[in-house]
Amino acid sequence: MPCIISLLNQFDLKDIDFIIVDGFVYLDDEMKYGLGGYLYEKLNKEIPIIGVAKTNFASIEKNKRILLRGDSKKPLFVTAIGIDLDDAFEKVESMAGEFRMPTLLKEMDRLTKEL
C-alpha cells in the first residue's frame, strides 16, 4: 500500500473518476477489505475503486460480478467500492481489447512485471 500511495501522491487526483486495482475490493460477503477497500479508505473514500481479479476468491459470492470477455472461457472477477457494482462491471466490460484482459490492464500488468 505505501508504494501505491506514494505513486498516487505524484498526481492531482481531483479529476480522477475511479481507480482500477489488480485484485479484490472485498474478500468476503461481510465486506472484509481487500487491496481495493484499503486503498479506498486511504484516499478518504473520495475516489471509487474497481477491483479486477484474474482468479476467483471463494469467500465472496454476493459482492462480485463474473465477466467473460472475448472468446475466453476464463472469467475476470469484478468488485467495487464507492461506485455501483453493475456500473463498475460495465466499465470493465466496455474497455478496449478483444481478449479476456482489457488492453490497458494487460499493458499495466506487463509494465509492472518489467520493474
PDB file of N, CA and C in Angstrom:
ATOM      1  N   MET A   1       0.806  -1.197   0.000  1.00  0.00           N
ATOM      2  CA  MET A   1       0.000   0.000   0.000  1.00  0.00           C
ATOM      3  C   MET A   1       0.857   1.272   0.000  1.00  0.00           C
ATOM      4  N   PRO A   2       1.942   1.344   0.766  1.00  0.00           N
ATOM      5  CA  PRO A   2       2.742   2.573   0.750  1.00  0.00           C
ATOM      6  C   PRO A   2       3.257   2.934  -0.644  1.00  0.00           C
ATOM      7  N   CYS A   3       3.595   1.930  -1.431  1.00  0.00           N
ATOM      8  CA  CYS A   3       4.083   2.208  -2.796  1.00  0.00           C
ATOM      9  C   CYS A   3       2.970   2.793  -3.666  1.00  0.00           C
ATOM     10  N   ILE A   4       1.774   2.284  -3.520  1.00  0.00           N
ATOM     11  CA  ILE A   4       0.647   2.786  -4.304  1.00  0.00           C
ATOM     12  C   ILE A   4       0.343   4.225  -3.915  1.00  0.00           C
ATOM     13  N   ILE A   5       0.302   4.504  -2.631  1.00  0.00           N
ATOM     14  CA  ILE A   5       0.021   5.862  -2.160  1.00  0.00           C
ATOM     15  C   ILE A   5       1.124   6.812  -2.604  1.00  0.00           C
ATOM     16  N   SER A   6       2.365   6.385  -2.521  1.00  0.00           N
ATOM     17  CA  SER A   6       3.491   7.208  -2.962  1.00  0.00           C
ATOM     18  C   SER A   6       3.364   7.558  -4.442  1.00  0.00           C
ATOM     19  N   LEU A   7       2.978   6.598  -5.233  1.00  0.00           N
ATOM     20  CA  LEU A   7       2.787   6.843  -6.663  1.00  0.00           C
ATOM     21  C   LEU A   7       1.624   7.800  -6.902  1.00  0.00           C
ATOM     22  N   LEU A   8       0.503   7.564  -6.234  1.00  0.00           N
ATOM     23  CA  LEU A   8      -0.672   8.419  -6.422  1.00  0.00           C
ATOM     24  C   LEU A   8      -0.431   9.851  -5.952  1.00  0.00           C
ATOM     25  N   ASN A   9       0.448  10.030  -4.968  1.00  0.00           N
ATOM     26  CA  ASN A   9       0.761  11.371  -4.479  1.00  0.00           C
ATOM     27  C   ASN A   9       1.464  12.231  -5.527  1.00  0.00           C
ATOM     28  N   GLN A  10       1.917  11.612  -6.589  1.00  0.00           N
ATOM     29  CA  GLN A  10       2.592  12.349  -7.664  1.00  0.00           C
ATOM     30  C   GLN A  10       1.603  12.955  -8.659  1.00  0.00           C
ATOM     31  N   PHE A  11       0.311  12.692  -8.453  1.00  0.00           N
ATOM     32  CA  PHE A  11      -0.709  13.146  -9.388  1.00  0.00           C
ATOM     33  C   PHE A  11      -1.772  13.973  -8.682  1.00  0.00           C
ATOM     34  N   ASP A  12      -2.404  14.854  -9.450  1.00  0.00           N
ATOM     35  CA  ASP A  12      -3.567  15.582  -8.959  1.00  0.00           C
ATOM     36  C   ASP A  12      -4.768  14.667  -9.176  1.00  0.00           C
ATOM     37  N   LEU A  13      -5.337  14.177  -8.112  1.00  0.00           N
ATOM     38  CA  LEU A  13      -6.400  13.172  -8.207  1.00  0.00           C
ATOM     39  C   LEU A  13      -7.804  13.767  -8.292  1.00  0.00           C
ATOM     40  N   LYS A  14      -7.922  15.082  -8.310  1.00  0.00           N
ATOM     41  CA  LYS A  14      -9.255  15.681  -8.281  1.00  0.00           C
ATOM     42  C   LYS A  14     -10.077  15.374  -9.536  1.00  0.00           C
ATOM     43  N   ASP A  15      -9.439  15.077 -10.642  1.00  0.00           N
ATOM     44  CA  ASP A  15     -10.171  14.781 -11.871  1.00  0.00           C
ATOM     45  C   ASP A  15     -10.257  13.289 -12.180  1.00  0.00           C
ATOM     46  N   ILE A  16      -9.846  12.454 -11.232  1.00  0.00           N
ATOM     47  CA  ILE A  16      -9.882  11.004 -11.420  1.00  0.00           C
ATOM     48  C   ILE A  16     -11.297  10.508 -11.114  1.00  0.00           C
ATOM     49  N   ASP A  17     -11.889   9.770 -12.048  1.00  0.00           N
ATOM     50  CA  ASP A  17     -13.247   9.239 -11.850  1.00  0.00           C
ATOM     51  C   ASP A  17     -13.248   7.962 -11.019  1.00  0.00           C
ATOM     52  N   PHE A  18     -12.230   7.124 -11.199  1.00  0.00           N
ATOM     53  CA  PHE A  18     -12.107   5.873 -10.456  1.00  0.00           C
ATOM     54  C   PHE A  18     -10.715   5.315 -10.686  1.00  0.00           C
ATOM     55  N   ILE A  19     -10.335   4.365  -9.835  1.00  0.00           N
ATOM     56  CA  ILE A  19      -9.055   3.671  -9.967  1.00  0.00           C
ATOM     57  C   ILE A  19      -9.353   2.182 -10.061  1.00  0.00           C
ATOM     58  N   ILE A  20      -8.645   1.511 -10.968  1.00  0.00           N
ATOM     59  CA  ILE A  20      -8.766   0.053 -11.090  1.00  0.00           C
ATOM     60  C   ILE A  20      -7.534  -0.585 -10.460  1.00  0.00           C
ATOM     61  N   VAL A  21      -7.780  -1.571  -9.600  1.00  0.00           N
ATOM     62  CA  VAL A  21      -6.685  -2.324  -8.992  1.00  0.00           C
ATOM     63  C   VAL A  21      -6.746  -3.769  -9.459  1.00  0.00           C
ATOM     64  N   ASP A  22      -5.590  -4.401  -9.457  1.00  0.00           N
ATOM     65  CA  ASP A  22      -5.474  -5.812  -9.791  1.00  0.00           C
ATOM     66  C   ASP A  22      -5.713  -6.593  -8.504  1.00  0.00           C
ATOM     67  N   GLY A  23      -6.951  -7.014  -8.303  1.00  0.00           N
ATOM     68  CA  GLY A  23      -7.296  -7.738  -7.084  1.00  0.00           C
ATOM     69  C   GLY A  23      -8.724  -7.425  -6.678  1.00  0.00           C
ATOM     70  N   PHE A  24      -9.034  -7.764  -5.462  1.00  0.00           N
ATOM     71  CA  PHE A  24     -10.397  -7.616  -4.952  1.00  0.00           C
ATOM     72  C   PHE A  24     -10.530  -6.393  -4.058  1.00  0.00           C
ATOM     73  N   VAL A  25     -11.706  -5.786  -4.086  1.00  0.00           N
ATOM     74  CA  VAL A  25     -12.053  -4.721  -3.156  1.00  0.00           C
ATOM     75  C   VAL A  25     -12.467  -5.356  -1.830  1.00  0.00           C
ATOM     76  N   TYR A  26     -13.277  -6.401  -1.911  1.00  0.00           N
ATOM     77  CA  TYR A  26     -13.733  -7.141  -0.733  1.00  0.00           C
ATOM     78  C   TYR A  26     -13.262  -8.585  -0.834  1.00  0.00           C
ATOM     79  N   LEU A  27     -13.000  -9.181   0.322  1.00  0.00           N
ATOM     80  CA  LEU A  27     -12.560 -10.572   0.359  1.00  0.00           C
ATOM     81  C   LEU A  27     -13.666 -11.544   0.732  1.00  0.00           C
ATOM     82  N   ASP A  28     -14.783 -11.002   1.264  1.00  0.00           N
ATOM     83  CA  ASP A  28     -15.896 -11.870   1.618  1.00  0.00           C
ATOM     84  C   ASP A  28     -17.197 -11.075   1.578  1.00  0.00           C
ATOM     85  N   ASP A  29     -18.295 -11.741   1.803  1.00  0.00           N
ATOM     86  CA  ASP A  29     -19.599 -11.075   1.730  1.00  0.00           C
ATOM     87  C   ASP A  29     -19.921 -10.257   2.979  1.00  0.00           C
ATOM     88  N   GLU A  30     -19.059 -10.317   3.983  1.00  0.00           N
ATOM     89  CA  GLU A  30     -19.197  -9.434   5.141  1.00  0.00           C
ATOM     90  C   GLU A  30     -18.427  -8.135   4.896  1.00  0.00           C
ATOM     91  N   MET A  31     -17.926  -7.986   3.675  1.00  0.00           N
ATOM     92  CA  MET A  31     -17.222  -6.799   3.199  1.00  0.00           C
ATOM     93  C   MET A  31     -15.884  -6.570   3.903  1.00  0.00           C
ATOM     94  N   LYS A  32     -15.188  -7.646   4.201  1.00  0.00           N
ATOM     95  CA  LYS A  32     -13.816  -7.534   4.693  1.00  0.00           C
ATOM     96  C   LYS A  32     -12.969  -6.997   3.547  1.00  0.00           C
ATOM     97  N   TYR A  33     -12.208  -5.950   3.836  1.00  0.00           N
ATOM     98  CA  TYR A  33     -11.439  -5.295   2.781  1.00  0.00           C
ATOM     99  C   TYR A  33     -10.316  -6.148   2.220  1.00  0.00           C
ATOM    100  N   GLY A  34     -10.176  -6.047   0.904  1.00  0.00           N
ATOM    101  CA  GLY A  34      -9.000  -6.482   0.192  1.00  0.00           C
ATOM    102  C   GLY A  34      -8.227  -5.217  -0.180  1.00  0.00           C
ATOM    103  N   LEU A  35      -7.292  -5.319  -1.098  1.00  0.00           N
ATOM    104  CA  LEU A  35      -6.471  -4.180  -1.504  1.00  0.00           C
ATOM    105  C   LEU A  35      -7.316  -2.960  -1.877  1.00  0.00           C
ATOM    106  N   GLY A  36      -8.340  -3.166  -2.693  1.00  0.00           N
ATOM    107  CA  GLY A  36      -9.167  -2.051  -3.148  1.00  0.00           C
ATOM    108  C   GLY A  36      -9.891  -1.341  -2.023  1.00  0.00           C
ATOM    109  N   GLY A  37     -10.381  -2.068  -1.059  1.00  0.00           N
ATOM    110  CA  GLY A  37     -11.066  -1.462   0.079  1.00  0.00           C
ATOM    111  C   GLY A  37     -10.131  -0.618   0.924  1.00  0.00           C
ATOM    112  N   TYR A  38      -8.932  -1.145   1.172  1.00  0.00           N
ATOM    113  CA  TYR A  38      -7.954  -0.381   1.948  1.00  0.00           C
ATOM    114  C   TYR A  38      -7.508   0.869   1.200  1.00  0.00           C
ATOM    115  N   LEU A  39      -7.361   0.767  -0.108  1.00  0.00           N
ATOM    116  CA  LEU A  39      -6.989   1.940  -0.894  1.00  0.00           C
ATOM    117  C   LEU A  39      -8.088   2.999  -0.828  1.00  0.00           C
ATOM    118  N   TYR A  40      -9.325   2.577  -0.931  1.00  0.00           N
ATOM    119  CA  TYR A  40     -10.461   3.493  -0.837  1.00  0.00           C
ATOM    120  C   TYR A  40     -10.422   4.256   0.489  1.00  0.00           C
ATOM    121  N   GLU A  41     -10.157   3.563   1.569  1.00  0.00           N
ATOM    122  CA  GLU A  41     -10.052   4.207   2.875  1.00  0.00           C
ATOM    123  C   GLU A  41      -8.889   5.201   2.908  1.00  0.00           C
ATOM    124  N   LYS A  42      -7.735   4.791   2.377  1.00  0.00           N
ATOM    125  CA  LYS A  42      -6.549   5.664   2.368  1.00  0.00           C
ATOM    126  C   LYS A  42      -6.797   6.939   1.568  1.00  0.00           C
ATOM    127  N   LEU A  43      -7.671   6.858   0.577  1.00  0.00           N
ATOM    128  CA  LEU A  43      -7.992   8.020  -0.258  1.00  0.00           C
ATOM    129  C   LEU A  43      -9.220   8.758   0.282  1.00  0.00           C
ATOM    130  N   ASN A  44      -9.496   8.574   1.574  1.00  0.00           N
ATOM    131  CA  ASN A  44     -10.594   9.262   2.260  1.00  0.00           C
ATOM    132  C   ASN A  44     -11.956   9.030   1.613  1.00  0.00           C
ATOM    133  N   LYS A  45     -12.130   7.874   1.016  1.00  0.00           N
ATOM    134  CA  LYS A  45     -13.403   7.490   0.387  1.00  0.00           C
ATOM    135  C   LYS A  45     -13.844   8.485  -0.683  1.00  0.00           C
ATOM    136  N   GLU A  46     -12.875   9.125  -1.325  1.00  0.00           N
ATOM    137  CA  GLU A  46     -13.184  10.147  -2.325  1.00  0.00           C
ATOM    138  C   GLU A  46     -13.127   9.641  -3.755  1.00  0.00           C
ATOM    139  N   ILE A  47     -12.399   8.552  -3.991  1.00  0.00           N
ATOM    140  CA  ILE A  47     -12.246   8.033  -5.352  1.00  0.00           C
ATOM    141  C   ILE A  47     -12.730   6.591  -5.373  1.00  0.00           C
ATOM    142  N   PRO A  48     -13.726   6.284  -6.214  1.00  0.00           N
ATOM    143  CA  PRO A  48     -14.191   4.899  -6.315  1.00  0.00           C
ATOM    144  C   PRO A  48     -13.067   3.973  -6.770  1.00  0.00           C
ATOM    145  N   ILE A  49     -13.122   2.749  -6.287  1.00  0.00           N
ATOM    146  CA  ILE A  49     -12.129   1.732  -6.641  1.00  0.00           C
ATOM    147  C   ILE A  49     -12.853   0.556  -7.272  1.00  0.00           C
ATOM    148  N   ILE A  50     -12.320   0.101  -8.398  1.00  0.00           N
ATOM    149  CA  ILE A  50     -12.823  -1.098  -9.081  1.00  0.00           C
ATOM    150  C   ILE A  50     -11.719  -2.145  -9.010  1.00  0.00           C
ATOM    151  N   GLY A  51     -12.062  -3.302  -8.480  1.00  0.00           N
ATOM    152  CA  GLY A  51     -11.111  -4.398  -8.426  1.00  0.00           C
ATOM    153  C   GLY A  51     -11.371  -5.364  -9.571  1.00  0.00           C
ATOM    154  N   VAL A  52     -10.307  -5.725 -10.281  1.00  0.00           N
ATOM    155  CA  VAL A  52     -10.402  -6.722 -11.356  1.00  0.00           C
ATOM    156  C   VAL A  52      -9.388  -7.817 -11.037  1.00  0.00           C
ATOM    157  N   ALA A  53      -9.891  -9.014 -10.788  1.00  0.00           N
ATOM    158  CA  ALA A  53      -9.028 -10.136 -10.433  1.00  0.00           C
ATOM    159  C   ALA A  53      -9.115 -11.222 -11.495  1.00  0.00           C
ATOM    160  N   LYS A  54      -7.993 -11.905 -11.685  1.00  0.00           N
ATOM    161  CA  LYS A  54      -7.938 -12.985 -12.676  1.00  0.00           C
ATOM    162  C   LYS A  54      -8.299 -14.341 -12.076  1.00  0.00           C
ATOM    163  N   THR A  55      -8.202 -14.447 -10.759  1.00  0.00           N
ATOM    164  CA  THR A  55      -8.570 -15.704 -10.104  1.00  0.00           C
ATOM    165  C   THR A  55      -9.664 -15.439  -9.083  1.00  0.00           C
ATOM    166  N   ASN A  56     -10.508 -16.417  -8.906  1.00  0.00           N
ATOM    167  CA  ASN A  56     -11.643 -16.286  -8.005  1.00  0.00           C
ATOM    168  C   ASN A  56     -11.197 -16.354  -6.551  1.00  0.00           C
ATOM    169  N   PHE A  57     -11.942 -15.681  -5.722  1.00  0.00           N
ATOM    170  CA  PHE A  57     -11.738 -15.750  -4.275  1.00  0.00           C
ATOM    171  C   PHE A  57     -13.019 -16.330  -3.715  1.00  0.00           C
ATOM    172  N   ALA A  58     -12.963 -17.564  -3.267  1.00  0.00           N
ATOM    173  CA  ALA A  58     -14.162 -18.339  -2.939  1.00  0.00           C
ATOM    174  C   ALA A  58     -15.002 -17.739  -1.820  1.00  0.00           C
ATOM    175  N   SER A  59     -14.431 -16.902  -0.964  1.00  0.00           N
ATOM    176  CA  SER A  59     -15.169 -16.374   0.180  1.00  0.00           C
ATOM    177  C   SER A  59     -16.150 -15.270  -0.186  1.00  0.00           C
ATOM    178  N   ILE A  60     -16.099 -14.807  -1.403  1.00  0.00           N
ATOM    179  CA  ILE A  60     -17.003 -13.735  -1.813  1.00  0.00           C
ATOM    180  C   ILE A  60     -17.937 -14.246  -2.901  1.00  0.00           C
ATOM    181  N   GLU A  61     -19.222 -14.064  -2.667  1.00  0.00           N
ATOM    182  CA  GLU A  61     -20.229 -14.518  -3.637  1.00  0.00           C
ATOM    183  C   GLU A  61     -21.120 -13.372  -4.106  1.00  0.00           C
ATOM    184  N   LYS A  62     -21.655 -12.595  -3.154  1.00  0.00           N
ATOM    185  CA  LYS A  62     -22.654 -11.575  -3.479  1.00  0.00           C
ATOM    186  C   LYS A  62     -22.066 -10.305  -4.070  1.00  0.00           C
ATOM    187  N   ASN A  63     -20.908  -9.900  -3.607  1.00  0.00           N
ATOM    188  CA  ASN A  63     -20.368  -8.596  -3.963  1.00  0.00           C
ATOM    189  C   ASN A  63     -19.320  -8.653  -5.067  1.00  0.00           C
ATOM    190  N   LYS A  64     -19.548  -9.528  -6.035  1.00  0.00           N
ATOM    191  CA  LYS A  64     -18.658  -9.601  -7.197  1.00  0.00           C
ATOM    192  C   LYS A  64     -19.485  -9.935  -8.428  1.00  0.00           C
ATOM    193  N   ARG A  65     -18.972  -9.592  -9.565  1.00  0.00           N
ATOM    194  CA  ARG A  65     -19.587  -9.952 -10.842  1.00  0.00           C
ATOM    195  C   ARG A  65     -18.548 -10.729 -11.644  1.00  0.00           C
ATOM    196  N   ILE A  66     -19.022 -11.725 -12.363  1.00  0.00           N
ATOM    197  CA  ILE A  66     -18.158 -12.560 -13.201  1.00  0.00           C
ATOM    198  C   ILE A  66     -18.267 -12.057 -14.628  1.00  0.00           C
ATOM    199  N   LEU A  67     -17.124 -11.750 -15.215  1.00  0.00           N
ATOM    200  CA  LEU A  67     -17.079 -11.157 -16.548  1.00  0.00           C
ATOM    201  C   LEU A  67     -16.314 -12.052 -17.512  1.00  0.00           C
ATOM    202  N   LEU A  68     -16.980 -12.458 -18.578  1.00  0.00           N
ATOM    203  CA  LEU A  68     -16.329 -13.180 -19.672  1.00  0.00           C
ATOM    204  C   LEU A  68     -16.160 -12.209 -20.827  1.00  0.00           C
ATOM    205  N   ARG A  69     -14.940 -12.045 -21.281  1.00  0.00           N
ATOM    206  CA  ARG A  69     -14.654 -11.142 -22.392  1.00  0.00           C
ATOM    207  C   ARG A  69     -14.102 -11.943 -23.562  1.00  0.00           C
ATOM    208  N   GLY A  70     -14.386 -11.450 -24.755  1.00  0.00           N
ATOM    209  CA  GLY A  70     -13.882 -12.112 -25.951  1.00  0.00           C
ATOM    210  C   GLY A  70     -14.347 -13.550 -26.010  1.00  0.00           C
ATOM    211  N   ASP A  71     -13.475 -14.423 -26.484  1.00  0.00           N
ATOM    212  CA  ASP A  71     -13.798 -15.844 -26.591  1.00  0.00           C
ATOM    213  C   ASP A  71     -13.292 -16.637 -25.386  1.00  0.00           C
ATOM    214  N   SER A  72     -12.804 -15.935 -24.382  1.00  0.00           N
ATOM    215  CA  SER A  72     -12.206 -16.612 -23.233  1.00  0.00           C
ATOM    216  C   SER A  72     -13.236 -17.393 -22.430  1.00  0.00           C
ATOM    217  N   LYS A  73     -12.821 -18.548 -21.962  1.00  0.00           N
ATOM    218  CA  LYS A  73     -13.639 -19.370 -21.064  1.00  0.00           C
ATOM    219  C   LYS A  73     -13.294 -19.061 -19.609  1.00  0.00           C
ATOM    220  N   LYS A  74     -12.190 -18.299 -19.408  1.00  0.00           N
ATOM    221  CA  LYS A  74     -11.752 -17.936 -18.067  1.00  0.00           C
ATOM    222  C   LYS A  74     -12.261 -16.534 -17.749  1.00  0.00           C
ATOM    223  N   PRO A  75     -13.035 -16.393 -16.692  1.00  0.00           N
ATOM    224  CA  PRO A  75     -13.608 -15.080 -16.379  1.00  0.00           C
ATOM    225  C   PRO A  75     -12.649 -14.166 -15.627  1.00  0.00           C
ATOM    226  N   LEU A  76     -13.029 -12.910 -15.586  1.00  0.00           N
ATOM    227  CA  LEU A  76     -12.455 -11.928 -14.675  1.00  0.00           C
ATOM    228  C   LEU A  76     -13.484 -11.732 -13.573  1.00  0.00           C
ATOM    229  N   PHE A  77     -13.033 -11.307 -12.408  1.00  0.00           N
ATOM    230  CA  PHE A  77     -13.911 -11.097 -11.273  1.00  0.00           C
ATOM    231  C   PHE A  77     -13.850  -9.624 -10.883  1.00  0.00           C
ATOM    232  N   VAL A  78     -14.997  -8.966 -10.915  1.00  0.00           N
ATOM    233  CA  VAL A  78     -15.072  -7.526 -10.694  1.00  0.00           C
ATOM    234  C   VAL A  78     -15.734  -7.250  -9.349  1.00  0.00           C
ATOM    235  N   THR A  79     -15.085  -6.408  -8.540  1.00  0.00           N
ATOM    236  CA  THR A  79     -15.645  -5.923  -7.287  1.00  0.00           C
ATOM    237  C   THR A  79     -15.489  -4.406  -7.281  1.00  0.00           C
ATOM    238  N   ALA A  80     -16.211  -3.719  -6.396  1.00  0.00           N
ATOM    239  CA  ALA A  80     -16.149  -2.258  -6.406  1.00  0.00           C
ATOM    240  C   ALA A  80     -16.565  -1.665  -5.069  1.00  0.00           C
ATOM    241  N   ILE A  81     -16.070  -0.458  -4.828  1.00  0.00           N
ATOM    242  CA  ILE A  81     -16.463   0.329  -3.656  1.00  0.00           C
ATOM    243  C   ILE A  81     -16.509   1.793  -4.083  1.00  0.00           C
ATOM    244  N   GLY A  82     -17.532   2.493  -3.616  1.00  0.00           N
ATOM    245  CA  GLY A  82     -17.686   3.902  -3.979  1.00  0.00           C
ATOM    246  C   GLY A  82     -18.344   4.107  -5.320  1.00  0.00           C
ATOM    247  N   ILE A  83     -18.729   3.013  -5.957  1.00  0.00           N
ATOM    248  CA  ILE A  83     -19.387   3.018  -7.263  1.00  0.00           C
ATOM    249  C   ILE A  83     -20.284   1.781  -7.301  1.00  0.00           C
ATOM    250  N   ASP A  84     -21.414   1.890  -7.948  1.00  0.00           N
ATOM    251  CA  ASP A  84     -22.316   0.751  -8.080  1.00  0.00           C
ATOM    252  C   ASP A  84     -21.594  -0.402  -8.782  1.00  0.00           C
ATOM    253  N   LEU A  85     -21.740  -1.605  -8.250  1.00  0.00           N
ATOM    254  CA  LEU A  85     -21.041  -2.768  -8.804  1.00  0.00           C
ATOM    255  C   LEU A  85     -21.418  -3.020 -10.255  1.00  0.00           C
ATOM    256  N   ASP A  86     -22.675  -2.866 -10.613  1.00  0.00           N
ATOM    257  CA  ASP A  86     -23.080  -3.080 -12.002  1.00  0.00           C
ATOM    258  C   ASP A  86     -22.459  -2.033 -12.923  1.00  0.00           C
ATOM    259  N   ASP A  87     -22.343  -0.801 -12.445  1.00  0.00           N
ATOM    260  CA  ASP A  87     -21.694   0.264 -13.224  1.00  0.00           C
ATOM    261  C   ASP A  87     -20.207  -0.051 -13.408  1.00  0.00           C
ATOM    262  N   ALA A  88     -19.558  -0.511 -12.339  1.00  0.00           N
ATOM    263  CA  ALA A  88     -18.145  -0.892 -12.419  1.00  0.00           C
ATOM    264  C   ALA A  88     -17.958  -2.034 -13.418  1.00  0.00           C
ATOM    265  N   PHE A  89     -18.843  -3.023 -13.353  1.00  0.00           N
ATOM    266  CA  PHE A  89     -18.801  -4.159 -14.274  1.00  0.00           C
ATOM    267  C   PHE A  89     -18.875  -3.665 -15.721  1.00  0.00           C
ATOM    268  N   GLU A  90     -19.821  -2.771 -15.997  1.00  0.00           N
ATOM    269  CA  GLU A  90     -19.986  -2.245 -17.359  1.00  0.00           C
ATOM    270  C   GLU A  90     -18.753  -1.478 -17.822  1.00  0.00           C
ATOM    271  N   LYS A  91     -18.114  -0.753 -16.921  1.00  0.00           N
ATOM    272  CA  LYS A  91     -16.910  -0.012 -17.283  1.00  0.00           C
ATOM    273  C   LYS A  91     -15.789  -0.969 -17.709  1.00  0.00           C
ATOM    274  N   VAL A  92     -15.605  -2.039 -16.951  1.00  0.00           N
ATOM    275  CA  VAL A  92     -14.563  -3.007 -17.298  1.00  0.00           C
ATOM    276  C   VAL A  92     -14.946  -3.757 -18.565  1.00  0.00           C
ATOM    277  N   GLU A  93     -16.198  -4.120 -18.674  1.00  0.00           N
ATOM    278  CA  GLU A  93     -16.680  -4.849 -19.852  1.00  0.00           C
ATOM    279  C   GLU A  93     -16.468  -4.032 -21.123  1.00  0.00           C
ATOM    280  N   SER A  94     -16.629  -2.720 -21.041  1.00  0.00           N
ATOM    281  CA  SER A  94     -16.550  -1.869 -22.236  1.00  0.00           C
ATOM    282  C   SER A  94     -15.129  -1.398 -22.561  1.00  0.00           C
ATOM    283  N   MET A  95     -14.153  -1.778 -21.746  1.00  0.00           N
ATOM    284  CA  MET A  95     -12.776  -1.369 -22.019  1.00  0.00           C
ATOM    285  C   MET A  95     -12.294  -1.986 -23.332  1.00  0.00           C
ATOM    286  N   ALA A  96     -11.419  -1.282 -24.007  1.00  0.00           N
ATOM    287  CA  ALA A  96     -10.894  -1.729 -25.302  1.00  0.00           C
ATOM    288  C   ALA A  96     -10.118  -3.037 -25.160  1.00  0.00           C
ATOM    289  N   GLY A  97     -10.195  -3.837 -26.201  1.00  0.00           N
ATOM    290  CA  GLY A  97      -9.467  -5.098 -26.257  1.00  0.00           C
ATOM    291  C   GLY A  97     -10.392  -6.248 -26.585  1.00  0.00           C
ATOM    292  N   GLU A  98      -9.895  -7.162 -27.398  1.00  0.00           N
ATOM    293  CA  GLU A  98     -10.710  -8.291 -27.855  1.00  0.00           C
ATOM    294  C   GLU A  98     -10.647  -9.488 -26.923  1.00  0.00           C
ATOM    295  N   PHE A  99      -9.672  -9.497 -26.039  1.00  0.00           N
ATOM    296  CA  PHE A  99      -9.396 -10.702 -25.274  1.00  0.00           C
ATOM    297  C   PHE A  99      -9.876 -10.591 -23.834  1.00  0.00           C
ATOM    298  N   ARG A 100      -9.568 -11.604 -23.064  1.00  0.00           N
ATOM    299  CA  ARG A 100     -10.003 -11.682 -21.669  1.00  0.00           C
ATOM    300  C   ARG A 100      -9.648 -10.409 -20.895  1.00  0.00           C
ATOM    301  N   MET A 101      -8.398 -10.004 -20.972  1.00  0.00           N
ATOM    302  CA  MET A 101      -7.946  -8.807 -20.263  1.00  0.00           C
ATOM    303  C   MET A 101      -8.075  -7.593 -21.179  1.00  0.00           C
ATOM    304  N   PRO A 102      -8.695  -6.521 -20.690  1.00  0.00           N
ATOM    305  CA  PRO A 102      -8.707  -5.289 -21.470  1.00  0.00           C
ATOM    306  C   PRO A 102      -7.273  -4.875 -21.792  1.00  0.00           C
ATOM    307  N   THR A 103      -7.072  -4.277 -22.935  1.00  0.00           N
ATOM    308  CA  THR A 103      -5.739  -3.920 -23.409  1.00  0.00           C
ATOM    309  C   THR A 103      -4.976  -3.080 -22.384  1.00  0.00           C
ATOM    310  N   LEU A 104      -5.607  -2.077 -21.819  1.00  0.00           N
ATOM    311  CA  LEU A 104      -4.931  -1.208 -20.862  1.00  0.00           C
ATOM    312  C   LEU A 104      -4.474  -1.979 -19.622  1.00  0.00           C
ATOM    313  N   LEU A 105      -5.312  -2.872 -19.105  1.00  0.00           N
ATOM    314  CA  LEU A 105      -4.937  -3.648 -17.927  1.00  0.00           C
ATOM    315  C   LEU A 105      -3.821  -4.647 -18.240  1.00  0.00           C
ATOM    316  N   LYS A 106      -3.867  -5.208 -19.430  1.00  0.00           N
ATOM    317  CA  LYS A 106      -2.813  -6.132 -19.842  1.00  0.00           C
ATOM    318  C   LYS A 106      -1.471  -5.402 -19.946  1.00  0.00           C
ATOM    319  N   GLU A 107      -1.503  -4.205 -20.480  1.00  0.00           N
ATOM    320  CA  GLU A 107      -0.278  -3.411 -20.626  1.00  0.00           C
ATOM    321  C   GLU A 107       0.272  -3.008 -19.239  1.00  0.00           C
ATOM    322  N   MET A 108      -0.601  -2.610 -18.345  1.00  0.00           N
ATOM    323  CA  MET A 108      -0.163  -2.263 -16.991  1.00  0.00           C
ATOM    324  C   MET A 108       0.466  -3.476 -16.302  1.00  0.00           C
ATOM    325  N   ASP A 109      -0.134  -4.630 -16.469  1.00  0.00           N
ATOM    326  CA  ASP A 109       0.401  -5.851 -15.891  1.00  0.00           C
ATOM    327  C   ASP A 109       1.793  -6.130 -16.440  1.00  0.00           C
ATOM    328  N   ARG A 110       1.961  -5.967 -17.742  1.00  0.00           N
ATOM    329  CA  ARG A 110       3.249  -6.208 -18.383  1.00  0.00           C
ATOM    330  C   ARG A 110       4.303  -5.226 -17.861  1.00  0.00           C
ATOM    331  N   LEU A 111       3.940  -3.948 -17.791  1.00  0.00           N
ATOM    332  CA  LEU A 111       4.894  -2.930 -17.350  1.00  0.00           C
ATOM    333  C   LEU A 111       5.334  -3.133 -15.902  1.00  0.00           C
ATOM    334  N   THR A 112       4.412  -3.514 -15.043  1.00  0.00           N
ATOM    335  CA  THR A 112       4.782  -3.700 -13.639  1.00  0.00           C
ATOM    336  C   THR A 112       5.674  -4.924 -13.447  1.00  0.00           C
ATOM    337  N   LYS A 113       5.555  -5.885 -14.327  1.00  0.00           N
ATOM    338  CA  LYS A 113       6.413  -7.064 -14.211  1.00  0.00           C
ATOM    339  C   LYS A 113       7.831  -6.788 -14.709  1.00  0.00           C
ATOM    340  N   GLU A 114       7.996  -5.745 -15.514  1.00  0.00           N
ATOM    341  CA  GLU A 114       9.311  -5.381 -16.019  1.00  0.00           C
ATOM    342  C   GLU A 114      10.161  -4.702 -14.969  1.00  0.00           C
ATOM    343  N   LEU A 115       9.530  -4.131 -13.966  1.00  0.00           N
ATOM    344  CA  LEU A 115      10.275  -3.358 -12.949  1.00  0.00           C
ATOM    345  C   LEU A 115      11.049  -4.217 -12.048  1.00  0.00           C
TER     346      LEU A 115
END
